[in-house]
PDB file of N, CA and C in Angstrom:
ATOM      1  N   MET A   1      89.301 112.723  48.921  1.00  0.00           N
ATOM      2  CA  MET A   1      88.179 112.719  49.841  1.00  0.00           C
ATOM      3  C   MET A   1      88.592 113.392  51.088  1.00  0.00           C
ATOM      4  N   GLU A   2      87.861 114.335  51.605  1.00  0.00           N
ATOM      5  CA  GLU A   2      88.081 115.036  52.735  1.00  0.00           C
ATOM      6  C   GLU A   2      86.891 114.904  53.712  1.00  0.00           C
ATOM      7  N   ILE A   3      87.161 114.840  55.019  1.00  0.00           N
ATOM      8  CA  ILE A   3      86.109 114.816  55.974  1.00  0.00           C
ATOM      9  C   ILE A   3      86.341 115.870  57.011  1.00  0.00           C
ATOM     10  N   TRP A   4      85.259 116.760  57.166  1.00  0.00           N
ATOM     11  CA  TRP A   4      85.277 117.838  58.162  1.00  0.00           C
ATOM     12  C   TRP A   4      84.655 117.195  59.396  1.00  0.00           C
ATOM     13  N   ILE A   5      85.485 117.314  60.556  1.00  0.00           N
ATOM     14  CA  ILE A   5      85.037 116.726  61.674  1.00  0.00           C
ATOM     15  C   ILE A   5      85.308 117.590  62.955  1.00  0.00           C
ATOM     16  N   ASN A   6      84.610 117.231  64.043  1.00  0.00           N
ATOM     17  CA  ASN A   6      84.787 117.753  65.348  1.00  0.00           C
ATOM     18  C   ASN A   6      85.138 116.415  66.140  1.00  0.00           C
ATOM     19  N   PRO A   7      86.446 116.334  66.582  1.00  0.00           N
ATOM     20  CA  PRO A   7      86.851 115.092  67.249  1.00  0.00           C
ATOM     21  C   PRO A   7      85.991 114.669  68.459  1.00  0.00           C
ATOM     22  N   ALA A   8      85.336 115.579  69.104  1.00  0.00           N
ATOM     23  CA  ALA A   8      84.473 115.321  70.214  1.00  0.00           C
ATOM     24  C   ALA A   8      83.166 114.688  69.872  1.00  0.00           C
ATOM     25  N   CYS A   9      82.747 114.702  68.493  1.00  0.00           N
ATOM     26  CA  CYS A   9      81.535 114.272  68.017  1.00  0.00           C
ATOM     27  C   CYS A   9      81.428 112.789  67.777  1.00  0.00           C
ATOM     28  N   SER A  10      80.541 112.109  68.338  1.00  0.00           N
ATOM     29  CA  SER A  10      80.439 110.617  68.155  1.00  0.00           C
ATOM     30  C   SER A  10      80.176 110.262  66.662  1.00  0.00           C
ATOM     31  N   LYS A  11      79.352 111.052  66.021  1.00  0.00           N
ATOM     32  CA  LYS A  11      79.015 110.798  64.592  1.00  0.00           C
ATOM     33  C   LYS A  11      80.297 110.878  63.737  1.00  0.00           C
ATOM     34  N   CYS A  12      81.131 111.853  64.012  1.00  0.00           N
ATOM     35  CA  CYS A  12      82.449 112.113  63.391  1.00  0.00           C
ATOM     36  C   CYS A  12      83.274 110.820  63.546  1.00  0.00           C
ATOM     37  N   ARG A  13      83.466 110.392  64.836  1.00  0.00           N
ATOM     38  CA  ARG A  13      84.227 109.249  65.122  1.00  0.00           C
ATOM     39  C   ARG A  13      83.667 107.987  64.395  1.00  0.00           C
ATOM     40  N   GLY A  14      82.332 107.849  64.336  1.00  0.00           N
ATOM     41  CA  GLY A  14      81.788 106.753  63.723  1.00  0.00           C
ATOM     42  C   GLY A  14      82.108 106.730  62.219  1.00  0.00           C
ATOM     43  N   ALA A  15      82.051 107.889  61.635  1.00  0.00           N
ATOM     44  CA  ALA A  15      82.308 108.113  60.192  1.00  0.00           C
ATOM     45  C   ALA A  15      83.783 107.742  59.866  1.00  0.00           C
ATOM     46  N   LEU A  16      84.651 108.135  60.764  1.00  0.00           N
ATOM     47  CA  LEU A  16      86.111 107.777  60.644  1.00  0.00           C
ATOM     48  C   LEU A  16      86.288 106.311  60.774  1.00  0.00           C
ATOM     49  N   ASP A  17      85.610 105.657  61.651  1.00  0.00           N
ATOM     50  CA  ASP A  17      85.645 104.190  61.826  1.00  0.00           C
ATOM     51  C   ASP A  17      85.289 103.467  60.510  1.00  0.00           C
ATOM     52  N   VAL A  18      84.099 103.885  59.926  1.00  0.00           N
ATOM     53  CA  VAL A  18      83.740 103.346  58.638  1.00  0.00           C
ATOM     54  C   VAL A  18      84.839 103.562  57.487  1.00  0.00           C
ATOM     55  N   LEU A  19      85.318 104.665  57.375  1.00  0.00           N
ATOM     56  CA  LEU A  19      86.317 105.006  56.347  1.00  0.00           C
ATOM     57  C   LEU A  19      87.568 104.118  56.610  1.00  0.00           C
ATOM     58  N   ASP A  20      87.950 104.040  57.878  1.00  0.00           N
ATOM     59  CA  ASP A  20      89.151 103.234  58.142  1.00  0.00           C
ATOM     60  C   ASP A  20      88.871 101.736  57.902  1.00  0.00           C
ATOM     61  N   ALA A  21      87.711 101.251  58.302  1.00  0.00           N
ATOM     62  CA  ALA A  21      87.355  99.858  58.035  1.00  0.00           C
ATOM     63  C   ALA A  21      87.374  99.517  56.510  1.00  0.00           C
ATOM     64  N   GLU A  22      86.926 100.508  55.782  1.00  0.00           N
ATOM     65  CA  GLU A  22      86.947 100.340  54.246  1.00  0.00           C
ATOM     66  C   GLU A  22      88.278 100.593  53.590  1.00  0.00           C
ATOM     67  N   GLY A  23      89.215 101.072  54.342  1.00  0.00           N
ATOM     68  CA  GLY A  23      90.551 101.323  53.800  1.00  0.00           C
ATOM     69  C   GLY A  23      90.573 102.501  52.901  1.00  0.00           C
ATOM     70  N   ALA A  24      89.632 103.469  53.207  1.00  0.00           N
ATOM     71  CA  ALA A  24      89.530 104.663  52.320  1.00  0.00           C
ATOM     72  C   ALA A  24      90.695 105.619  52.609  1.00  0.00           C
ATOM     73  N   GLY A  25      91.135 106.291  51.487  1.00  0.00           N
ATOM     74  CA  GLY A  25      92.113 107.370  51.623  1.00  0.00           C
ATOM     75  C   GLY A  25      91.354 108.680  51.862  1.00  0.00           C
ATOM     76  N   TYR A  26      91.689 109.355  52.834  1.00  0.00           N
ATOM     77  CA  TYR A  26      90.944 110.611  53.191  1.00  0.00           C
ATOM     78  C   TYR A  26      91.916 111.597  53.945  1.00  0.00           C
ATOM     79  N   THR A  27      91.567 112.856  53.927  1.00  0.00           N
ATOM     80  CA  THR A  27      92.119 113.907  54.671  1.00  0.00           C
ATOM     81  C   THR A  27      91.193 114.288  55.753  1.00  0.00           C
ATOM     82  N   VAL A  28      91.600 114.567  56.920  1.00  0.00           N
ATOM     83  CA  VAL A  28      90.774 115.051  58.044  1.00  0.00           C
ATOM     84  C   VAL A  28      90.879 116.575  58.128  1.00  0.00           C
ATOM     85  N   ARG A  29      89.859 117.249  58.200  1.00  0.00           N
ATOM     86  CA  ARG A  29      89.915 118.749  58.478  1.00  0.00           C
ATOM     87  C   ARG A  29      89.085 118.958  59.820  1.00  0.00           C
ATOM     88  N   ARG A  30      89.791 119.353  60.757  1.00  0.00           N
ATOM     89  CA  ARG A  30      89.192 119.711  62.131  1.00  0.00           C
ATOM     90  C   ARG A  30      88.779 121.138  61.952  1.00  0.00           C
ATOM     91  N   TYR A  31      87.538 121.247  61.561  1.00  0.00           N
ATOM     92  CA  TYR A  31      87.052 122.609  61.045  1.00  0.00           C
ATOM     93  C   TYR A  31      86.906 123.685  62.210  1.00  0.00           C
ATOM     94  N   LEU A  32      86.903 123.189  63.429  1.00  0.00           N
ATOM     95  CA  LEU A  32      86.873 124.123  64.553  1.00  0.00           C
ATOM     96  C   LEU A  32      88.174 124.786  64.778  1.00  0.00           C
ATOM     97  N   GLU A  33      89.359 124.162  64.285  1.00  0.00           N
ATOM     98  CA  GLU A  33      90.688 124.666  64.387  1.00  0.00           C
ATOM     99  C   GLU A  33      91.051 125.347  63.037  1.00  0.00           C
ATOM    100  N   ASP A  34      90.739 124.645  61.957  1.00  0.00           N
ATOM    101  CA  ASP A  34      91.049 125.074  60.659  1.00  0.00           C
ATOM    102  C   ASP A  34      89.722 125.573  60.061  1.00  0.00           C
ATOM    103  N   VAL A  35      89.316 126.807  60.427  1.00  0.00           N
ATOM    104  CA  VAL A  35      88.075 127.326  60.176  1.00  0.00           C
ATOM    105  C   VAL A  35      87.950 127.677  58.713  1.00  0.00           C
ATOM    106  N   PRO A  36      86.870 127.199  58.060  1.00  0.00           N
ATOM    107  CA  PRO A  36      86.681 127.432  56.628  1.00  0.00           C
ATOM    108  C   PRO A  36      86.341 128.943  56.346  1.00  0.00           C
ATOM    109  N   SER A  37      86.815 129.411  55.226  1.00  0.00           N
ATOM    110  CA  SER A  37      86.524 130.729  54.846  1.00  0.00           C
ATOM    111  C   SER A  37      85.084 130.826  54.242  1.00  0.00           C
ATOM    112  N   ALA A  38      84.558 132.079  54.044  1.00  0.00           N
ATOM    113  CA  ALA A  38      83.266 132.177  53.452  1.00  0.00           C
ATOM    114  C   ALA A  38      83.238 131.626  52.106  1.00  0.00           C
ATOM    115  N   GLU A  39      84.259 131.681  51.300  1.00  0.00           N
ATOM    116  CA  GLU A  39      84.430 131.137  50.030  1.00  0.00           C
ATOM    117  C   GLU A  39      84.338 129.663  50.097  1.00  0.00           C
ATOM    118  N   GLU A  40      85.048 129.059  50.957  1.00  0.00           N
ATOM    119  CA  GLU A  40      85.053 127.603  51.181  1.00  0.00           C
ATOM    120  C   GLU A  40      83.691 127.140  51.533  1.00  0.00           C
ATOM    121  N   ILE A  41      82.954 127.906  52.338  1.00  0.00           N
ATOM    122  CA  ILE A  41      81.578 127.487  52.718  1.00  0.00           C
ATOM    123  C   ILE A  41      80.700 127.541  51.457  1.00  0.00           C
ATOM    124  N   ARG A  42      80.886 128.611  50.728  1.00  0.00           N
ATOM    125  CA  ARG A  42      79.998 128.689  49.450  1.00  0.00           C
ATOM    126  C   ARG A  42      80.329 127.548  48.514  1.00  0.00           C
ATOM    127  N   GLU A  43      81.590 127.202  48.324  1.00  0.00           N
ATOM    128  CA  GLU A  43      81.942 126.077  47.486  1.00  0.00           C
ATOM    129  C   GLU A  43      81.333 124.735  48.094  1.00  0.00           C
ATOM    130  N   LEU A  44      81.487 124.599  49.390  1.00  0.00           N
ATOM    131  CA  LEU A  44      80.891 123.363  49.979  1.00  0.00           C
ATOM    132  C   LEU A  44      79.412 123.290  49.841  1.00  0.00           C
ATOM    133  N   LEU A  45      78.821 124.379  50.011  1.00  0.00           N
ATOM    134  CA  LEU A  45      77.223 124.427  49.783  1.00  0.00           C
ATOM    135  C   LEU A  45      76.921 124.007  48.361  1.00  0.00           C
ATOM    136  N   GLY A  46      77.704 124.446  47.444  1.00  0.00           N
ATOM    137  CA  GLY A  46      77.464 124.137  45.982  1.00  0.00           C
ATOM    138  C   GLY A  46      77.634 122.633  45.861  1.00  0.00           C
ATOM    139  N   ARG A  47      78.698 122.024  46.414  1.00  0.00           N
ATOM    140  CA  ARG A  47      78.891 120.632  46.374  1.00  0.00           C
ATOM    141  C   ARG A  47      77.866 119.791  47.068  1.00  0.00           C
ATOM    142  N   LEU A  48      77.330 120.314  48.106  1.00  0.00           N
ATOM    143  CA  LEU A  48      76.243 119.699  48.864  1.00  0.00           C
ATOM    144  C   LEU A  48      74.883 119.869  48.193  1.00  0.00           C
ATOM    145  N   GLY A  49      74.769 120.908  47.414  1.00  0.00           N
ATOM    146  CA  GLY A  49      73.395 121.250  46.848  1.00  0.00           C
ATOM    147  C   GLY A  49      72.491 121.761  47.923  1.00  0.00           C
ATOM    148  N   LEU A  50      73.002 122.396  48.913  1.00  0.00           N
ATOM    149  CA  LEU A  50      72.241 123.003  50.080  1.00  0.00           C
ATOM    150  C   LEU A  50      72.429 124.434  50.228  1.00  0.00           C
ATOM    151  N   GLU A  51      71.666 124.917  51.172  1.00  0.00           N
ATOM    152  CA  GLU A  51      71.797 126.388  51.577  1.00  0.00           C
ATOM    153  C   GLU A  51      72.497 126.389  52.953  1.00  0.00           C
ATOM    154  N   PRO A  52      73.023 127.500  53.411  1.00  0.00           N
ATOM    155  CA  PRO A  52      73.707 127.574  54.705  1.00  0.00           C
ATOM    156  C   PRO A  52      72.846 127.163  55.896  1.00  0.00           C
ATOM    157  N   TRP A  53      71.547 127.563  55.800  1.00  0.00           N
ATOM    158  CA  TRP A  53      70.667 127.183  56.890  1.00  0.00           C
ATOM    159  C   TRP A  53      70.312 125.679  56.968  1.00  0.00           C
ATOM    160  N   ASP A  54      70.598 124.929  55.899  1.00  0.00           N
ATOM    161  CA  ASP A  54      70.487 123.494  55.885  1.00  0.00           C
ATOM    162  C   ASP A  54      71.640 122.797  56.610  1.00  0.00           C
ATOM    163  N   ILE A  55      72.720 123.453  56.776  1.00  0.00           N
ATOM    164  CA  ILE A  55      73.871 122.809  57.542  1.00  0.00           C
ATOM    165  C   ILE A  55      74.185 123.534  58.839  1.00  0.00           C
ATOM    166  N   ALA A  56      73.387 124.357  59.243  1.00  0.00           N
ATOM    167  CA  ALA A  56      73.529 125.163  60.474  1.00  0.00           C
ATOM    168  C   ALA A  56      72.938 124.354  61.586  1.00  0.00           C
ATOM    169  N   ARG A  57      73.655 124.331  62.618  1.00  0.00           N
ATOM    170  CA  ARG A  57      73.145 123.560  63.857  1.00  0.00           C
ATOM    171  C   ARG A  57      72.552 124.620  64.761  1.00  0.00           C
ATOM    172  N   THR A  58      71.228 124.857  64.450  1.00  0.00           N
ATOM    173  CA  THR A  58      70.518 125.893  65.183  1.00  0.00           C
ATOM    174  C   THR A  58      70.206 125.698  66.580  1.00  0.00           C
ATOM    175  N   GLY A  59      70.509 124.376  67.030  1.00  0.00           N
ATOM    176  CA  GLY A  59      70.249 123.995  68.520  1.00  0.00           C
ATOM    177  C   GLY A  59      71.424 124.368  69.330  1.00  0.00           C
ATOM    178  N   GLU A  60      72.535 124.793  68.679  1.00  0.00           N
ATOM    179  CA  GLU A  60      73.736 125.223  69.547  1.00  0.00           C
ATOM    180  C   GLU A  60      73.410 126.501  70.262  1.00  0.00           C
ATOM    181  N   GLY A  61      74.035 126.671  71.417  1.00  0.00           N
ATOM    182  CA  GLY A  61      73.842 127.825  72.241  1.00  0.00           C
ATOM    183  C   GLY A  61      74.092 129.132  71.544  1.00  0.00           C
ATOM    184  N   VAL A  62      75.273 129.213  70.778  1.00  0.00           N
ATOM    185  CA  VAL A  62      75.528 130.412  70.146  1.00  0.00           C
ATOM    186  C   VAL A  62      74.414 130.719  69.066  1.00  0.00           C
ATOM    187  N   ALA A  63      73.820 129.729  68.479  1.00  0.00           N
ATOM    188  CA  ALA A  63      72.753 130.107  67.501  1.00  0.00           C
ATOM    189  C   ALA A  63      71.529 130.694  68.253  1.00  0.00           C
ATOM    190  N   GLY A  64      71.272 130.277  69.465  1.00  0.00           N
ATOM    191  CA  GLY A  64      70.175 130.814  70.237  1.00  0.00           C
ATOM    192  C   GLY A  64      70.548 132.328  70.581  1.00  0.00           C
ATOM    193  N   GLU A  65      71.831 132.486  70.968  1.00  0.00           N
ATOM    194  CA  GLU A  65      72.295 133.881  71.231  1.00  0.00           C
ATOM    195  C   GLU A  65      72.197 134.847  70.011  1.00  0.00           C
ATOM    196  N   LEU A  66      72.412 134.264  68.891  1.00  0.00           N
ATOM    197  CA  LEU A  66      72.323 135.090  67.635  1.00  0.00           C
ATOM    198  C   LEU A  66      70.818 135.153  67.156  1.00  0.00           C
ATOM    199  N   GLY A  67      69.941 134.326  67.656  1.00  0.00           N
ATOM    200  CA  GLY A  67      68.535 134.358  67.246  1.00  0.00           C
ATOM    201  C   GLY A  67      68.392 133.786  65.849  1.00  0.00           C
ATOM    202  N   MET A  68      69.213 132.865  65.475  1.00  0.00           N
ATOM    203  CA  MET A  68      69.191 132.294  64.144  1.00  0.00           C
ATOM    204  C   MET A  68      67.859 131.620  63.756  1.00  0.00           C
ATOM    205  N   ARG A  69      67.216 131.015  64.704  1.00  0.00           N
ATOM    206  CA  ARG A  69      65.982 130.339  64.342  1.00  0.00           C
ATOM    207  C   ARG A  69      64.985 131.341  63.719  1.00  0.00           C
ATOM    208  N   GLN A  70      65.092 132.600  64.036  1.00  0.00           N
ATOM    209  CA  GLN A  70      64.218 133.616  63.466  1.00  0.00           C
ATOM    210  C   GLN A  70      64.674 134.251  62.263  1.00  0.00           C
ATOM    211  N   TRP A  71      65.876 133.961  61.831  1.00  0.00           N
ATOM    212  CA  TRP A  71      66.453 134.510  60.614  1.00  0.00           C
ATOM    213  C   TRP A  71      65.677 134.087  59.290  1.00  0.00           C
ATOM    214  N   ALA A  72      65.522 134.909  58.395  1.00  0.00           N
ATOM    215  CA  ALA A  72      64.935 134.570  57.164  1.00  0.00           C
ATOM    216  C   ALA A  72      65.862 133.553  56.477  1.00  0.00           C
ATOM    217  N   ARG A  73      65.201 132.783  55.706  1.00  0.00           N
ATOM    218  CA  ARG A  73      65.917 131.742  54.889  1.00  0.00           C
ATOM    219  C   ARG A  73      65.683 132.013  53.435  1.00  0.00           C
ATOM    220  N   ASP A  74      66.456 132.986  52.934  1.00  0.00           N
ATOM    221  CA  ASP A  74      66.187 133.386  51.504  1.00  0.00           C
ATOM    222  C   ASP A  74      67.519 134.035  50.977  1.00  0.00           C
ATOM    223  N   ALA A  75      67.484 134.356  49.723  1.00  0.00           N
ATOM    224  CA  ALA A  75      68.666 134.861  49.004  1.00  0.00           C
ATOM    225  C   ALA A  75      69.248 136.089  49.707  1.00  0.00           C
ATOM    226  N   GLU A  76      68.414 136.957  50.176  1.00  0.00           N
ATOM    227  CA  GLU A  76      68.896 138.152  50.892  1.00  0.00           C
ATOM    228  C   GLU A  76      69.605 137.896  52.116  1.00  0.00           C
ATOM    229  N   THR A  77      69.326 136.891  52.881  1.00  0.00           N
ATOM    230  CA  THR A  77      70.088 136.681  54.168  1.00  0.00           C
ATOM    231  C   THR A  77      71.066 135.433  53.981  1.00  0.00           C
ATOM    232  N   ARG A  78      71.280 134.883  52.801  1.00  0.00           N
ATOM    233  CA  ARG A  78      72.232 133.826  52.635  1.00  0.00           C
ATOM    234  C   ARG A  78      73.635 134.212  53.181  1.00  0.00           C
ATOM    235  N   GLU A  79      74.141 135.385  52.843  1.00  0.00           N
ATOM    236  CA  GLU A  79      75.472 135.752  53.252  1.00  0.00           C
ATOM    237  C   GLU A  79      75.610 135.936  54.751  1.00  0.00           C
ATOM    238  N   ARG A  80      74.467 136.402  55.367  1.00  0.00           N
ATOM    239  CA  ARG A  80      74.407 136.476  56.814  1.00  0.00           C
ATOM    240  C   ARG A  80      74.583 135.148  57.500  1.00  0.00           C
ATOM    241  N   TRP A  81      73.946 134.145  56.988  1.00  0.00           N
ATOM    242  CA  TRP A  81      74.101 132.697  57.433  1.00  0.00           C
ATOM    243  C   TRP A  81      75.498 132.241  57.233  1.00  0.00           C
ATOM    244  N   ILE A  82      76.125 132.504  56.073  1.00  0.00           N
ATOM    245  CA  ILE A  82      77.442 132.086  55.775  1.00  0.00           C
ATOM    246  C   ILE A  82      78.437 132.803  56.754  1.00  0.00           C
ATOM    247  N   SER A  83      78.327 134.018  56.967  1.00  0.00           N
ATOM    248  CA  SER A  83      79.176 134.760  57.884  1.00  0.00           C
ATOM    249  C   SER A  83      79.065 134.209  59.331  1.00  0.00           C
ATOM    250  N   ALA A  84      77.879 133.719  59.682  1.00  0.00           N
ATOM    251  CA  ALA A  84      77.718 133.164  61.043  1.00  0.00           C
ATOM    252  C   ALA A  84      78.449 131.828  61.076  1.00  0.00           C
ATOM    253  N   LEU A  85      78.442 131.073  59.972  1.00  0.00           N
ATOM    254  CA  LEU A  85      79.065 129.751  60.037  1.00  0.00           C
ATOM    255  C   LEU A  85      80.673 129.969  60.167  1.00  0.00           C
ATOM    256  N   VAL A  86      81.035 130.972  59.438  1.00  0.00           N
ATOM    257  CA  VAL A  86      82.581 131.279  59.517  1.00  0.00           C
ATOM    258  C   VAL A  86      83.001 131.750  60.885  1.00  0.00           C
ATOM    259  N   GLU A  87      82.185 132.687  61.438  1.00  0.00           N
ATOM    260  CA  GLU A  87      82.420 133.343  62.746  1.00  0.00           C
ATOM    261  C   GLU A  87      82.406 132.313  63.861  1.00  0.00           C
ATOM    262  N   HIS A  88      81.345 131.331  63.693  1.00  0.00           N
ATOM    263  CA  HIS A  88      81.092 130.305  64.731  1.00  0.00           C
ATOM    264  C   HIS A  88      81.069 128.990  64.135  1.00  0.00           C
ATOM    265  N   PRO A  89      82.201 128.364  63.859  1.00  0.00           N
ATOM    266  CA  PRO A  89      82.149 127.145  63.086  1.00  0.00           C
ATOM    267  C   PRO A  89      81.548 125.970  63.775  1.00  0.00           C
ATOM    268  N   VAL A  90      81.390 126.037  65.172  1.00  0.00           N
ATOM    269  CA  VAL A  90      80.522 125.089  65.900  1.00  0.00           C
ATOM    270  C   VAL A  90      79.150 124.924  65.265  1.00  0.00           C
ATOM    271  N   LEU A  91      78.747 125.878  64.519  1.00  0.00           N
ATOM    272  CA  LEU A  91      77.343 125.778  63.952  1.00  0.00           C
ATOM    273  C   LEU A  91      77.233 124.986  62.705  1.00  0.00           C
ATOM    274  N   ILE A  92      78.471 124.593  62.202  1.00  0.00           N
ATOM    275  CA  ILE A  92      78.378 123.731  60.984  1.00  0.00           C
ATOM    276  C   ILE A  92      78.111 122.308  61.342  1.00  0.00           C
ATOM    277  N   GLN A  93      77.127 121.724  60.571  1.00  0.00           N
ATOM    278  CA  GLN A  93      76.762 120.387  60.840  1.00  0.00           C
ATOM    279  C   GLN A  93      77.923 119.471  60.537  1.00  0.00           C
ATOM    280  N   ARG A  94      77.982 118.347  61.059  1.00  0.00           N
ATOM    281  CA  ARG A  94      79.109 117.432  61.017  1.00  0.00           C
ATOM    282  C   ARG A  94      78.639 115.962  61.075  1.00  0.00           C
ATOM    283  N   PRO A  95      79.515 115.092  60.559  1.00  0.00           N
ATOM    284  CA  PRO A  95      80.677 115.252  59.629  1.00  0.00           C
ATOM    285  C   PRO A  95      80.175 115.549  58.280  1.00  0.00           C
ATOM    286  N   ILE A  96      81.056 116.254  57.515  1.00  0.00           N
ATOM    287  CA  ILE A  96      80.847 116.491  56.045  1.00  0.00           C
ATOM    288  C   ILE A  96      81.915 115.849  55.314  1.00  0.00           C
ATOM    289  N   ILE A  97      81.547 115.068  54.262  1.00  0.00           N
ATOM    290  CA  ILE A  97      82.630 114.404  53.467  1.00  0.00           C
ATOM    291  C   ILE A  97      82.453 115.063  52.037  1.00  0.00           C
ATOM    292  N   THR A  98      83.523 115.371  51.523  1.00  0.00           N
ATOM    293  CA  THR A  98      83.678 115.822  50.120  1.00  0.00           C
ATOM    294  C   THR A  98      84.098 114.625  49.323  1.00  0.00           C
ATOM    295  N   ALA A  99      83.302 114.133  48.399  1.00  0.00           N
ATOM    296  CA  ALA A  99      83.547 112.943  47.685  1.00  0.00           C
ATOM    297  C   ALA A  99      84.400 113.151  46.410  1.00  0.00           C
ATOM    298  N   GLU A 100      84.980 112.134  45.951  1.00  0.00           N
ATOM    299  CA  GLU A 100      85.885 112.239  44.680  1.00  0.00           C
ATOM    300  C   GLU A 100      85.131 112.748  43.428  1.00  0.00           C
ATOM    301  N   ASP A 101      83.774 112.509  43.421  1.00  0.00           N
ATOM    302  CA  ASP A 101      83.108 112.949  42.199  1.00  0.00           C
ATOM    303  C   ASP A 101      82.684 114.406  42.228  1.00  0.00           C
ATOM    304  N   GLY A 102      83.224 115.200  43.224  1.00  0.00           N
ATOM    305  CA  GLY A 102      82.895 116.607  43.286  1.00  0.00           C
ATOM    306  C   GLY A 102      81.676 116.903  44.088  1.00  0.00           C
ATOM    307  N   THR A 103      80.934 115.950  44.602  1.00  0.00           N
ATOM    308  CA  THR A 103      79.858 116.221  45.453  1.00  0.00           C
ATOM    309  C   THR A 103      80.324 116.196  46.930  1.00  0.00           C
ATOM    310  N   ALA A 104      79.330 116.453  47.763  1.00  0.00           N
ATOM    311  CA  ALA A 104      79.631 116.399  49.236  1.00  0.00           C
ATOM    312  C   ALA A 104      78.373 115.908  49.872  1.00  0.00           C
ATOM    313  N   LEU A 105      78.429 115.401  51.074  1.00  0.00           N
ATOM    314  CA  LEU A 105      77.258 115.081  51.904  1.00  0.00           C
ATOM    315  C   LEU A 105      77.550 115.164  53.326  1.00  0.00           C
ATOM    316  N   VAL A 106      76.526 115.468  54.071  1.00  0.00           N
ATOM    317  CA  VAL A 106      76.620 115.362  55.508  1.00  0.00           C
ATOM    318  C   VAL A 106      76.406 113.883  55.867  1.00  0.00           C
ATOM    319  N   ALA A 107      77.421 113.386  56.526  1.00  0.00           N
ATOM    320  CA  ALA A 107      77.509 111.910  56.745  1.00  0.00           C
ATOM    321  C   ALA A 107      77.249 111.546  58.138  1.00  0.00           C
ATOM    322  N   ARG A 108      76.001 111.685  58.623  1.00  0.00           N
ATOM    323  CA  ARG A 108      75.694 111.397  60.044  1.00  0.00           C
ATOM    324  C   ARG A 108      75.249 110.002  60.208  1.00  0.00           C
ATOM    325  N   SER A 109      75.303 109.163  59.173  1.00  0.00           N
ATOM    326  CA  SER A 109      74.917 107.779  59.328  1.00  0.00           C
ATOM    327  C   SER A 109      75.969 106.954  58.543  1.00  0.00           C
ATOM    328  N   GLU A 110      76.041 105.635  58.981  1.00  0.00           N
ATOM    329  CA  GLU A 110      77.031 104.734  58.242  1.00  0.00           C
ATOM    330  C   GLU A 110      76.610 104.678  56.803  1.00  0.00           C
ATOM    331  N   GLU A 111      75.356 104.661  56.509  1.00  0.00           N
ATOM    332  CA  GLU A 111      74.912 104.626  55.124  1.00  0.00           C
ATOM    333  C   GLU A 111      75.345 105.722  54.222  1.00  0.00           C
ATOM    334  N   ALA A 112      75.399 106.929  54.861  1.00  0.00           N
ATOM    335  CA  ALA A 112      75.795 108.203  54.171  1.00  0.00           C
ATOM    336  C   ALA A 112      77.296 108.188  53.929  1.00  0.00           C
ATOM    337  N   VAL A 113      78.033 107.599  54.877  1.00  0.00           N
ATOM    338  CA  VAL A 113      79.465 107.461  54.674  1.00  0.00           C
ATOM    339  C   VAL A 113      79.738 106.466  53.548  1.00  0.00           C
ATOM    340  N   ARG A 114      79.086 105.378  53.513  1.00  0.00           N
ATOM    341  CA  ARG A 114      79.182 104.468  52.451  1.00  0.00           C
ATOM    342  C   ARG A 114      78.735 104.954  51.135  1.00  0.00           C
ATOM    343  N   ASP A 115      77.732 105.852  51.085  1.00  0.00           N
ATOM    344  CA  ASP A 115      77.396 106.580  49.868  1.00  0.00           C
ATOM    345  C   ASP A 115      78.485 107.443  49.407  1.00  0.00           C
ATOM    346  N   ALA A 116      79.199 108.165  50.230  1.00  0.00           N
ATOM    347  CA  ALA A 116      80.328 108.969  49.854  1.00  0.00           C
ATOM    348  C   ALA A 116      81.468 108.165  49.281  1.00  0.00           C
ATOM    349  N   LEU A 117      81.719 106.974  49.901  1.00  0.00           N
ATOM    350  CA  LEU A 117      82.630 105.999  49.417  1.00  0.00           C
ATOM    351  C   LEU A 117      82.350 105.592  47.932  1.00  0.00           C
ATOM    352  N   GLY A 118      81.123 105.453  47.676  1.00  0.00           N
ATOM    353  CA  GLY A 118      80.653 105.007  46.302  1.00  0.00           C
ATOM    354  C   GLY A 118      80.623 106.098  45.301  1.00  0.00           C
ATOM    355  N   ARG A 119      80.945 107.369  45.622  1.00  0.00           N
ATOM    356  CA  ARG A 119      80.936 108.472  44.718  1.00  0.00           C
ATOM    357  C   ARG A 119      82.173 108.664  44.091  1.00  0.00           C
ATOM    358  N   GLY A 120      82.608 107.811  43.171  1.00  0.00           N
ATOM    359  CA  GLY A 120      83.893 107.969  42.521  1.00  0.00           C
ATOM    360  C   GLY A 120      85.014 107.268  43.082  1.00  0.00           C
ATOM    361  N   GLY A 121      84.766 106.497  44.186  1.00  0.00           N
ATOM    362  CA  GLY A 121      85.778 105.718  44.778  1.00  0.00           C
ATOM    363  C   GLY A 121      86.785 106.484  45.608  1.00  0.00           C
ATOM    364  N   PRO A 122      87.286 105.880  46.635  1.00  0.00           N
ATOM    365  CA  PRO A 122      88.242 106.579  47.532  1.00  0.00           C
ATOM    366  C   PRO A 122      89.567 106.688  46.799  1.00  0.00           C
ATOM    367  N   THR A 123      90.195 107.841  47.027  1.00  0.00           N
ATOM    368  CA  THR A 123      91.571 108.045  46.471  1.00  0.00           C
ATOM    369  C   THR A 123      92.360 108.673  47.642  1.00  0.00           C
ATOM    370  N   ALA A 124      93.533 108.232  47.931  1.00  0.00           N
ATOM    371  CA  ALA A 124      94.326 108.882  48.942  1.00  0.00           C
ATOM    372  C   ALA A 124      94.661 110.252  48.504  1.00  0.00           C
ATOM    373  N   VAL A 125      94.607 111.210  49.399  1.00  0.00           N
ATOM    374  CA  VAL A 125      94.912 112.586  49.176  1.00  0.00           C
ATOM    375  C   VAL A 125      96.227 112.947  49.750  1.00  0.00           C
TER     376      VAL A 125
END
């Protein structure tokens, strides 16, 4: 199990608190420092069952500067979205947990973190 976090984010800290309270084994990825590649984003999206615009924080200042709210959300612009997430990782929604069963989810609530724990059981990485 891996959790992508921004340490400054209260939702991320809350997710870590739940994982720790449950004794879960996990690896932390500070994705603002350890920026995911385009391929990693594509793989993550597959695990999430989402599109890049679904995990983009379009309220961030850089999103406004890029005009992302006006970008099309279709197959033709998918790579543009992915490139923006790689170039500006602050745009990636957080926290994201990759579960042991191969799925992933955006874990912004305690219930979502517990859902991730139930997906194949925690295993130390």
